């Protein structure tokens, strides 16, 4: 996997503009491996990897059994990829890796809460579309398509085949549309995406890691804010609006600061004197 470190926001813009048709994923830490939330959960709490397929199967079965209570119509539960997307939407760990067609959306997710170097992974979907794994070139994207009945169980849930599929479910929800989202579905849970893709012969790089230094965050987040790439637009509901308040704490225009300080100074002139703090009580002997 190629690794590129940019130093300026303009470098990131120029680099990703030269990758038309690619998909992108932001990671808040450049040190994190490119694995799904399901993999992270299983690695943390379930040591026996031979039982990972069983655990995933059981979690999906329980969700399907109970989710209909909260749905107006249950057709999404009958489609493997749509069911996983619904689970992911509501916070369940799944093997789906969220990607987006927008490098700016990916940069937002990488940088919003970054306290160290972050990363955006660029996936060469035009090349991957026609690629197949070296161990069996017949396992094309069309053959393993998880939207087709039986294919998720055949090629993915057994956790045996190091394959990758990327695309969109047959029907997309509001958040997926707002984020220009798509999913990458790995066939195995115990390998990061870059290792799986290393088994796909290609004349072009299939995955590029773009490291975004922590020092670039302020500049980048200001640019994204001006583009209207915020939690309020990426999650178009009350939850998204509430999440957006976090960055609004950082965005205060200079004029507002001046007005606030003038208002506080005028108020302090009218306020009674603030009494000095009481001396600390002497400890009892």
C-alpha atoms as a PDB file:
ATOM      1  CA  UNK A   1       0.000   0.000   0.000  1.00  0.00           C
ATOM      2  CA  UNK A   2       1.365   3.386  -1.007  1.00  0.00           C
ATOM      3  CA  UNK A   3       1.556   5.965   1.798  1.00  0.00           C
ATOM      4  CA  UNK A   4       1.548   9.692   1.052  1.00  0.00           C
ATOM      5  CA  UNK A   5       1.934  12.368   3.714  1.00  0.00           C
ATOM      6  CA  UNK A   6       0.556  15.803   2.860  1.00  0.00           C
ATOM      7  CA  UNK A   7       1.423  18.964   4.736  1.00  0.00           C
ATOM      8  CA  UNK A   8      -1.177  21.443   3.447  1.00  0.00           C
ATOM      9  CA  UNK A   9      -4.902  21.187   2.810  1.00  0.00           C
ATOM     10  CA  UNK A  10      -4.297  22.313  -0.769  1.00  0.00           C
ATOM     11  CA  UNK A  11      -2.015  19.281  -1.255  1.00  0.00           C
ATOM     12  CA  UNK A  12      -4.830  16.964  -0.198  1.00  0.00           C
ATOM     13  CA  UNK A  13      -7.280  18.683  -2.552  1.00  0.00           C
ATOM     14  CA  UNK A  14      -4.878  18.424  -5.509  1.00  0.00           C
ATOM     15  CA  UNK A  15      -4.042  14.792  -4.780  1.00  0.00           C
ATOM     16  CA  UNK A  16      -7.649  13.597  -4.496  1.00  0.00           C
ATOM     17  CA  UNK A  17      -8.814  15.642  -7.481  1.00  0.00           C
ATOM     18  CA  UNK A  18      -6.389  13.501  -9.499  1.00  0.00           C
ATOM     19  CA  UNK A  19      -8.218  10.326  -8.374  1.00  0.00           C
ATOM     20  CA  UNK A  20     -11.553  10.500 -10.244  1.00  0.00           C
ATOM     21  CA  UNK A  21     -13.976   7.711  -9.454  1.00  0.00           C
ATOM     22  CA  UNK A  22     -12.068   6.565  -6.371  1.00  0.00           C
ATOM     23  CA  UNK A  23     -13.692   6.003  -2.967  1.00  0.00           C
ATOM     24  CA  UNK A  24     -12.400   7.351   0.340  1.00  0.00           C
ATOM     25  CA  UNK A  25     -12.522   6.512   4.034  1.00  0.00           C
ATOM     26  CA  UNK A  26     -11.388   8.687   6.915  1.00  0.00           C
ATOM     27  CA  UNK A  27      -9.718   7.273  10.028  1.00  0.00           C
ATOM     28  CA  UNK A  28      -9.228   9.487  13.068  1.00  0.00           C
ATOM     29  CA  UNK A  29      -5.829   7.882  13.746  1.00  0.00           C
ATOM     30  CA  UNK A  30      -3.234   7.128  11.092  1.00  0.00           C
ATOM     31  CA  UNK A  31      -2.059   4.253  13.300  1.00  0.00           C
ATOM     32  CA  UNK A  32      -5.319   2.295  13.151  1.00  0.00           C
ATOM     33  CA  UNK A  33      -5.447  -0.735  10.841  1.00  0.00           C
ATOM     34  CA  UNK A  34      -8.108  -0.661   8.138  1.00  0.00           C
ATOM     35  CA  UNK A  35     -10.546  -3.130   9.673  1.00  0.00           C
ATOM     36  CA  UNK A  36     -14.282  -3.101  10.355  1.00  0.00           C
ATOM     37  CA  UNK A  37     -16.036  -2.323  13.623  1.00  0.00           C
ATOM     38  CA  UNK A  38     -16.944  -5.999  13.863  1.00  0.00           C
ATOM     39  CA  UNK A  39     -13.297  -7.007  13.646  1.00  0.00           C
ATOM     40  CA  UNK A  40     -12.327  -4.508  16.351  1.00  0.00           C
ATOM     41  CA  UNK A  41     -15.068  -5.815  18.631  1.00  0.00           C
ATOM     42  CA  UNK A  42     -14.196  -9.459  18.108  1.00  0.00           C
ATOM     43  CA  UNK A  43     -10.460  -8.866  18.514  1.00  0.00           C
ATOM     44  CA  UNK A  44     -11.094  -7.116  21.812  1.00  0.00           C
ATOM     45  CA  UNK A  45     -13.574  -9.485  23.424  1.00  0.00           C
ATOM     46  CA  UNK A  46     -13.569 -12.820  21.541  1.00  0.00           C
ATOM     47  CA  UNK A  47     -10.214 -14.571  21.375  1.00  0.00           C
ATOM     48  CA  UNK A  48     -11.285 -17.754  19.568  1.00  0.00           C
ATOM     49  CA  UNK A  49     -11.273 -16.714  15.921  1.00  0.00           C
ATOM     50  CA  UNK A  50     -12.744 -20.016  14.802  1.00  0.00           C
ATOM     51  CA  UNK A  51     -16.017 -18.913  16.420  1.00  0.00           C
ATOM     52  CA  UNK A  52     -16.166 -15.478  14.805  1.00  0.00           C
ATOM     53  CA  UNK A  53     -18.521 -16.651  11.998  1.00  0.00           C
ATOM     54  CA  UNK A  54     -20.869 -18.111  14.600  1.00  0.00           C
ATOM     55  CA  UNK A  55     -20.888 -14.912  16.631  1.00  0.00           C
ATOM     56  CA  UNK A  56     -21.566 -12.726  13.594  1.00  0.00           C
ATOM     57  CA  UNK A  57     -24.339 -15.045  12.390  1.00  0.00           C
ATOM     58  CA  UNK A  58     -26.007 -14.997  15.804  1.00  0.00           C
ATOM     59  CA  UNK A  59     -25.871 -11.190  16.115  1.00  0.00           C
ATOM     60  CA  UNK A  60     -27.499 -10.759  12.686  1.00  0.00           C
ATOM     61  CA  UNK A  61     -30.148 -13.368  13.493  1.00  0.00           C
ATOM     62  CA  UNK A  62     -31.095 -11.661  16.758  1.00  0.00           C
ATOM     63  CA  UNK A  63     -31.276  -8.261  15.060  1.00  0.00           C
ATOM     64  CA  UNK A  64     -33.554  -9.621  12.343  1.00  0.00           C
ATOM     65  CA  UNK A  65     -35.767 -11.306  14.918  1.00  0.00           C
ATOM     66  CA  UNK A  66     -36.389  -8.105  16.872  1.00  0.00           C
ATOM     67  CA  UNK A  67     -35.828  -5.130  14.535  1.00  0.00           C
ATOM     68  CA  UNK A  68     -39.204  -5.493  12.843  1.00  0.00           C
ATOM     69  CA  UNK A  69     -40.768  -4.038  16.012  1.00  0.00           C
ATOM     70  CA  UNK A  70     -39.302  -0.634  15.093  1.00  0.00           C
ATOM     71  CA  UNK A  71     -39.766  -0.730  11.313  1.00  0.00           C
ATOM     72  CA  UNK A  72     -42.738   0.306   9.224  1.00  0.00           C
ATOM     73  CA  UNK A  73     -41.832  -2.358   6.677  1.00  0.00           C
ATOM     74  CA  UNK A  74     -39.413  -5.229   7.057  1.00  0.00           C
ATOM     75  CA  UNK A  75     -38.142  -5.815   3.515  1.00  0.00           C
ATOM     76  CA  UNK A  76     -34.719  -4.439   4.472  1.00  0.00           C
ATOM     77  CA  UNK A  77     -34.302  -7.319   6.914  1.00  0.00           C
ATOM     78  CA  UNK A  78     -34.729  -9.851   4.116  1.00  0.00           C
ATOM     79  CA  UNK A  79     -31.816  -8.452   2.066  1.00  0.00           C
ATOM     80  CA  UNK A  80     -28.400  -9.285   3.547  1.00  0.00           C
ATOM     81  CA  UNK A  81     -26.596  -6.095   2.534  1.00  0.00           C
ATOM     82  CA  UNK A  82     -29.518  -3.806   3.399  1.00  0.00           C
ATOM     83  CA  UNK A  83     -29.876  -5.521   6.763  1.00  0.00           C
ATOM     84  CA  UNK A  84     -26.182  -4.994   7.535  1.00  0.00           C
ATOM     85  CA  UNK A  85     -26.441  -1.371   6.407  1.00  0.00           C
ATOM     86  CA  UNK A  86     -29.407  -0.881   8.742  1.00  0.00           C
ATOM     87  CA  UNK A  87     -27.463  -2.414  11.620  1.00  0.00           C
ATOM     88  CA  UNK A  88     -24.461  -0.208  10.893  1.00  0.00           C
ATOM     89  CA  UNK A  89     -26.670   2.871  10.624  1.00  0.00           C
ATOM     90  CA  UNK A  90     -27.915   2.292  14.160  1.00  0.00           C
ATOM     91  CA  UNK A  91     -24.560   1.529  15.754  1.00  0.00           C
ATOM     92  CA  UNK A  92     -24.118  -2.238  15.508  1.00  0.00           C
ATOM     93  CA  UNK A  93     -20.636  -3.596  14.750  1.00  0.00           C
ATOM     94  CA  UNK A  94     -20.656  -5.126  11.257  1.00  0.00           C
ATOM     95  CA  UNK A  95     -18.063  -6.173   8.703  1.00  0.00           C
ATOM     96  CA  UNK A  96     -19.037  -3.274   6.439  1.00  0.00           C
ATOM     97  CA  UNK A  97     -16.426  -0.581   5.906  1.00  0.00           C
ATOM     98  CA  UNK A  98     -17.989   2.801   5.195  1.00  0.00           C
ATOM     99  CA  UNK A  99     -16.451   4.593   2.223  1.00  0.00           C
ATOM    100  CA  UNK A 100     -17.587   7.705   0.385  1.00  0.00           C
ATOM    101  CA  UNK A 101     -17.227   9.039  -3.137  1.00  0.00           C
ATOM    102  CA  UNK A 102     -16.251  12.412  -1.629  1.00  0.00           C
ATOM    103  CA  UNK A 103     -12.691  12.901  -0.342  1.00  0.00           C
ATOM    104  CA  UNK A 104     -13.976  15.882   1.623  1.00  0.00           C
ATOM    105  CA  UNK A 105     -16.507  13.817   3.541  1.00  0.00           C
ATOM    106  CA  UNK A 106     -13.726  11.328   4.320  1.00  0.00           C
ATOM    107  CA  UNK A 107     -11.431  14.139   5.468  1.00  0.00           C
ATOM    108  CA  UNK A 108     -14.164  15.438   7.771  1.00  0.00           C
ATOM    109  CA  UNK A 109     -14.583  12.057   9.454  1.00  0.00           C
ATOM    110  CA  UNK A 110     -10.808  11.727   9.774  1.00  0.00           C
ATOM    111  CA  UNK A 111     -10.168  15.157  11.257  1.00  0.00           C
ATOM    112  CA  UNK A 112     -13.233  16.084  13.288  1.00  0.00           C
ATOM    113  CA  UNK A 113     -12.026  14.364  16.483  1.00  0.00           C
ATOM    114  CA  UNK A 114      -8.355  13.905  15.571  1.00  0.00           C
ATOM    115  CA  UNK A 115      -5.828  14.558  18.328  1.00  0.00           C
ATOM    116  CA  UNK A 116      -2.907  13.097  16.371  1.00  0.00           C
ATOM    117  CA  UNK A 117      -2.138  12.385  12.727  1.00  0.00           C
ATOM    118  CA  UNK A 118      -5.224  11.113  10.885  1.00  0.00           C
ATOM    119  CA  UNK A 119      -5.562   9.279   7.574  1.00  0.00           C
ATOM    120  CA  UNK A 120      -7.772   9.109   4.518  1.00  0.00           C
ATOM    121  CA  UNK A 121      -7.655   5.843   2.595  1.00  0.00           C
ATOM    122  CA  UNK A 122      -8.216   6.158  -1.152  1.00  0.00           C
ATOM    123  CA  UNK A 123      -9.590   3.039  -2.834  1.00  0.00           C
ATOM    124  CA  UNK A 124      -9.112   2.663  -6.575  1.00  0.00           C
ATOM    125  CA  UNK A 125     -12.641   1.422  -7.270  1.00  0.00           C
ATOM    126  CA  UNK A 126     -12.355   1.722 -11.081  1.00  0.00           C
ATOM    127  CA  UNK A 127      -9.480  -0.789 -11.002  1.00  0.00           C
ATOM    128  CA  UNK A 128     -11.022  -2.940  -8.275  1.00  0.00           C
ATOM    129  CA  UNK A 129     -14.268  -3.182 -10.252  1.00  0.00           C
ATOM    130  CA  UNK A 130     -12.548  -5.434 -12.795  1.00  0.00           C
ATOM    131  CA  UNK A 131     -10.061  -7.128 -10.453  1.00  0.00           C
ATOM    132  CA  UNK A 132     -10.183 -10.606  -8.936  1.00  0.00           C
ATOM    133  CA  UNK A 133      -8.046 -12.406  -6.332  1.00  0.00           C
ATOM    134  CA  UNK A 134      -5.003 -14.296  -7.565  1.00  0.00           C
ATOM    135  CA  UNK A 135      -6.001 -17.491  -5.763  1.00  0.00           C
ATOM    136  CA  UNK A 136      -9.163 -17.750  -7.909  1.00  0.00           C
ATOM    137  CA  UNK A 137      -9.612 -15.266 -10.787  1.00  0.00           C
ATOM    138  CA  UNK A 138     -13.188 -16.477 -11.270  1.00  0.00           C
ATOM    139  CA  UNK A 139     -14.244 -14.723  -8.054  1.00  0.00           C
ATOM    140  CA  UNK A 140     -15.160 -11.517  -9.819  1.00  0.00           C
ATOM    141  CA  UNK A 141     -17.175  -8.698  -8.287  1.00  0.00           C
ATOM    142  CA  UNK A 142     -20.277  -9.948 -10.082  1.00  0.00           C
ATOM    143  CA  UNK A 143     -19.894 -13.509  -8.847  1.00  0.00           C
ATOM    144  CA  UNK A 144     -19.518 -12.638  -5.138  1.00  0.00           C
ATOM    145  CA  UNK A 145     -22.051  -9.773  -5.136  1.00  0.00           C
ATOM    146  CA  UNK A 146     -23.591  -9.849  -1.606  1.00  0.00           C
ATOM    147  CA  UNK A 147     -26.799  -8.323  -2.946  1.00  0.00           C
ATOM    148  CA  UNK A 148     -27.566 -11.642  -4.642  1.00  0.00           C
ATOM    149  CA  UNK A 149     -29.444 -14.210  -2.587  1.00  0.00           C
ATOM    150  CA  UNK A 150     -27.144 -16.643  -0.821  1.00  0.00           C
ATOM    151  CA  UNK A 151     -23.926 -14.881  -1.714  1.00  0.00           C
ATOM    152  CA  UNK A 152     -23.288 -13.255   1.659  1.00  0.00           C
ATOM    153  CA  UNK A 153     -23.432 -16.621   3.392  1.00  0.00           C
ATOM    154  CA  UNK A 154     -21.409 -18.284   0.617  1.00  0.00           C
ATOM    155  CA  UNK A 155     -18.535 -15.827   0.221  1.00  0.00           C
ATOM    156  CA  UNK A 156     -18.479 -13.654   3.347  1.00  0.00           C
ATOM    157  CA  UNK A 157     -20.054 -14.946   6.551  1.00  0.00           C
ATOM    158  CA  UNK A 158     -17.970 -18.156   6.574  1.00  0.00           C
ATOM    159  CA  UNK A 159     -14.843 -16.013   6.968  1.00  0.00           C
ATOM    160  CA  UNK A 160     -12.841 -18.196   4.576  1.00  0.00           C
ATOM    161  CA  UNK A 161     -12.300 -16.281   1.339  1.00  0.00           C
ATOM    162  CA  UNK A 162      -9.956 -13.248   1.206  1.00  0.00           C
ATOM    163  CA  UNK A 163     -12.130 -11.345  -1.255  1.00  0.00           C
ATOM    164  CA  UNK A 164     -13.418  -7.778  -1.408  1.00  0.00           C
ATOM    165  CA  UNK A 165     -16.648  -6.379  -2.802  1.00  0.00           C
ATOM    166  CA  UNK A 166     -17.509  -2.693  -3.025  1.00  0.00           C
ATOM    167  CA  UNK A 167     -20.764  -1.005  -3.945  1.00  0.00           C
ATOM    168  CA  UNK A 168     -24.127   0.234  -2.729  1.00  0.00           C
ATOM    169  CA  UNK A 169     -27.166  -1.643  -1.443  1.00  0.00           C
ATOM    170  CA  UNK A 170     -30.190  -1.847  -3.707  1.00  0.00           C
ATOM    171  CA  UNK A 171     -31.872   0.844  -1.626  1.00  0.00           C
ATOM    172  CA  UNK A 172     -30.006   3.575   0.252  1.00  0.00           C
ATOM    173  CA  UNK A 173     -31.038   5.395   3.390  1.00  0.00           C
ATOM    174  CA  UNK A 174     -30.948   9.153   3.926  1.00  0.00           C
ATOM    175  CA  UNK A 175     -27.541   9.208   5.603  1.00  0.00           C
ATOM    176  CA  UNK A 176     -25.901   7.080   2.932  1.00  0.00           C
ATOM    177  CA  UNK A 177     -27.212   9.448   0.267  1.00  0.00           C
ATOM    178  CA  UNK A 178     -26.103  12.549   2.200  1.00  0.00           C
ATOM    179  CA  UNK A 179     -22.595  11.136   2.629  1.00  0.00           C
ATOM    180  CA  UNK A 180     -22.259   9.868  -0.976  1.00  0.00           C
ATOM    181  CA  UNK A 181     -21.607   6.576   0.715  1.00  0.00           C
ATOM    182  CA  UNK A 182     -20.855   3.048  -0.381  1.00  0.00           C
ATOM    183  CA  UNK A 183     -19.703  -0.086   1.397  1.00  0.00           C
ATOM    184  CA  UNK A 184     -16.624  -2.245   1.157  1.00  0.00           C
ATOM    185  CA  UNK A 185     -17.320  -5.815   2.266  1.00  0.00           C
ATOM    186  CA  UNK A 186     -14.289  -7.976   3.172  1.00  0.00           C
ATOM    187  CA  UNK A 187     -14.558 -11.731   2.971  1.00  0.00           C
ATOM    188  CA  UNK A 188     -12.399 -12.299   6.059  1.00  0.00           C
ATOM    189  CA  UNK A 189     -12.411 -10.517   9.394  1.00  0.00           C
ATOM    190  CA  UNK A 190      -8.886 -11.307  10.593  1.00  0.00           C
ATOM    191  CA  UNK A 191      -7.025  -9.371   7.892  1.00  0.00           C
ATOM    192  CA  UNK A 192      -6.947  -5.600   7.281  1.00  0.00           C
ATOM    193  CA  UNK A 193      -8.203  -4.414   3.916  1.00  0.00           C
ATOM    194  CA  UNK A 194      -4.744  -3.594   2.587  1.00  0.00           C
ATOM    195  CA  UNK A 195      -3.584  -7.173   3.185  1.00  0.00           C
ATOM    196  CA  UNK A 196      -6.604  -8.629   1.383  1.00  0.00           C
ATOM    197  CA  UNK A 197      -6.072  -6.279  -1.563  1.00  0.00           C
ATOM    198  CA  UNK A 198      -2.420  -7.327  -1.754  1.00  0.00           C
ATOM    199  CA  UNK A 199      -3.791 -10.611  -3.119  1.00  0.00           C
ATOM    200  CA  UNK A 200      -5.437  -8.822  -6.050  1.00  0.00           C
ATOM    201  CA  UNK A 201      -3.073  -8.444  -9.039  1.00  0.00           C
ATOM    202  CA  UNK A 202      -3.252  -4.942 -10.505  1.00  0.00           C
ATOM    203  CA  UNK A 203      -1.094  -2.680 -12.621  1.00  0.00           C
ATOM    204  CA  UNK A 204      -2.344   0.278 -10.594  1.00  0.00           C
ATOM    205  CA  UNK A 205      -2.280   0.791  -6.826  1.00  0.00           C
ATOM    206  CA  UNK A 206      -5.585  -0.373  -5.375  1.00  0.00           C
ATOM    207  CA  UNK A 207      -5.216   1.432  -2.054  1.00  0.00           C
ATOM    208  CA  UNK A 208      -3.392   4.615  -1.060  1.00  0.00           C
ATOM    209  CA  UNK A 209      -3.051   5.880   2.498  1.00  0.00           C
ATOM    210  CA  UNK A 210      -2.996   9.679   2.769  1.00  0.00           C
ATOM    211  CA  UNK A 211      -1.672  10.851   6.139  1.00  0.00           C
ATOM    212  CA  UNK A 212      -3.116  14.141   7.397  1.00  0.00           C
ATOM    213  CA  UNK A 213      -0.894  15.747  10.058  1.00  0.00           C
ATOM    214  CA  UNK A 214      -2.532  17.028  13.217  1.00  0.00           C
ATOM    215  CA  UNK A 215      -1.171  20.510  12.480  1.00  0.00           C
ATOM    216  CA  UNK A 216      -3.366  20.662   9.366  1.00  0.00           C
ATOM    217  CA  UNK A 217      -6.642  20.125  11.236  1.00  0.00           C
ATOM    218  CA  UNK A 218      -7.607  23.761  11.822  1.00  0.00           C
ATOM    219  CA  UNK A 219      -7.042  24.771   8.203  1.00  0.00           C
ATOM    220  CA  UNK A 220      -8.851  21.716   6.854  1.00  0.00           C
ATOM    221  CA  UNK A 221     -11.848  21.923   9.182  1.00  0.00           C
ATOM    222  CA  UNK A 222     -12.339  25.598   8.318  1.00  0.00           C
ATOM    223  CA  UNK A 223     -12.302  24.744   4.612  1.00  0.00           C
ATOM    224  CA  UNK A 224     -14.781  21.898   5.129  1.00  0.00           C
ATOM    225  CA  UNK A 225     -17.058  24.162   7.181  1.00  0.00           C
ATOM    226  CA  UNK A 226     -17.144  26.638   4.289  1.00  0.00           C
ATOM    227  CA  UNK A 227     -18.071  23.735   1.986  1.00  0.00           C
ATOM    228  CA  UNK A 228     -20.954  22.918   4.347  1.00  0.00           C
ATOM    229  CA  UNK A 229     -19.443  19.523   5.141  1.00  0.00           C
ATOM    230  CA  UNK A 230     -20.645  19.189   8.733  1.00  0.00           C
ATOM    231  CA  UNK A 231     -22.384  16.656  10.907  1.00  0.00           C
ATOM    232  CA  UNK A 232     -25.631  18.533  10.292  1.00  0.00           C
ATOM    233  CA  UNK A 233     -25.449  17.865   6.550  1.00  0.00           C
ATOM    234  CA  UNK A 234     -23.903  14.382   6.728  1.00  0.00           C
ATOM    235  CA  UNK A 235     -26.458  13.197   9.292  1.00  0.00           C
ATOM    236  CA  UNK A 236     -29.607  15.068   8.189  1.00  0.00           C
ATOM    237  CA  UNK A 237     -31.623  14.603  11.368  1.00  0.00           C
ATOM    238  CA  UNK A 238     -31.758  15.900  14.927  1.00  0.00           C
ATOM    239  CA  UNK A 239     -28.834  13.673  15.965  1.00  0.00           C
ATOM    240  CA  UNK A 240     -26.681  15.214  13.248  1.00  0.00           C
ATOM    241  CA  UNK A 241     -27.656  18.737  14.223  1.00  0.00           C
ATOM    242  CA  UNK A 242     -26.711  18.004  17.831  1.00  0.00           C
ATOM    243  CA  UNK A 243     -23.382  16.484  16.773  1.00  0.00           C
ATOM    244  CA  UNK A 244     -22.655  19.588  14.715  1.00  0.00           C
ATOM    245  CA  UNK A 245     -22.709  21.673  17.891  1.00  0.00           C
ATOM    246  CA  UNK A 246     -19.311  20.235  18.824  1.00  0.00           C
ATOM    247  CA  UNK A 247     -17.514  22.016  15.991  1.00  0.00           C
ATOM    248  CA  UNK A 248     -19.628  25.147  16.425  1.00  0.00           C
ATOM    249  CA  UNK A 249     -17.784  25.534  19.742  1.00  0.00           C
ATOM    250  CA  UNK A 250     -14.591  26.053  17.732  1.00  0.00           C
ATOM    251  CA  UNK A 251     -16.068  28.473  15.168  1.00  0.00           C
ATOM    252  CA  UNK A 252     -16.383  31.947  16.676  1.00  0.00           C
ATOM    253  CA  UNK A 253     -15.940  34.945  14.380  1.00  0.00           C
ATOM    254  CA  UNK A 254     -13.613  37.747  15.500  1.00  0.00           C
ATOM    255  CA  UNK A 255     -16.468  40.265  15.445  1.00  0.00           C
ATOM    256  CA  UNK A 256     -18.443  38.137  17.896  1.00  0.00           C
ATOM    257  CA  UNK A 257     -15.428  37.966  20.205  1.00  0.00           C
ATOM    258  CA  UNK A 258     -15.071  41.756  20.153  1.00  0.00           C
ATOM    259  CA  UNK A 259     -18.769  42.278  20.845  1.00  0.00           C
ATOM    260  CA  UNK A 260     -18.709  39.709  23.647  1.00  0.00           C
ATOM    261  CA  UNK A 261     -15.707  41.325  25.355  1.00  0.00           C
ATOM    262  CA  UNK A 262     -17.264  44.808  25.072  1.00  0.00           C
ATOM    263  CA  UNK A 263     -20.540  43.512  26.501  1.00  0.00           C
ATOM    264  CA  UNK A 264     -18.784  41.776  29.374  1.00  0.00           C
ATOM    265  CA  UNK A 265     -16.686  44.870  30.150  1.00  0.00           C
ATOM    266  CA  UNK A 266     -19.818  47.034  30.274  1.00  0.00           C
ATOM    267  CA  UNK A 267     -21.582  44.516  32.483  1.00  0.00           C
ATOM    268  CA  UNK A 268     -18.638  44.229  34.857  1.00  0.00           C
ATOM    269  CA  UNK A 269     -18.616  48.025  35.259  1.00  0.00           C
ATOM    270  CA  UNK A 270     -22.202  47.847  36.525  1.00  0.00           C
ATOM    271  CA  UNK A 271     -21.802  44.715  38.629  1.00  0.00           C
ATOM    272  CA  UNK A 272     -21.085  44.929  42.346  1.00  0.00           C
ATOM    273  CA  UNK A 273     -17.586  44.065  43.403  1.00  0.00           C
ATOM    274  CA  UNK A 274     -16.927  40.338  43.546  1.00  0.00           C
ATOM    275  CA  UNK A 275     -15.965  39.357  47.107  1.00  0.00           C
ATOM    276  CA  UNK A 276     -12.533  37.825  47.541  1.00  0.00           C
ATOM    277  CA  UNK A 277     -12.450  34.071  48.025  1.00  0.00           C
ATOM    278  CA  UNK A 278     -12.757  32.865  51.586  1.00  0.00           C
ATOM    279  CA  UNK A 279      -9.505  31.711  53.201  1.00  0.00           C
ATOM    280  CA  UNK A 280      -9.130  27.985  53.439  1.00  0.00           C
ATOM    281  CA  UNK A 281     -10.133  26.593  56.786  1.00  0.00           C
ATOM    282  CA  UNK A 282      -7.269  25.416  58.944  1.00  0.00           C
ATOM    283  CA  UNK A 283      -7.113  21.637  59.246  1.00  0.00           C
ATOM    284  CA  UNK A 284      -8.285  20.213  62.537  1.00  0.00           C
ATOM    285  CA  UNK A 285      -5.584  18.757  64.757  1.00  0.00           C
END
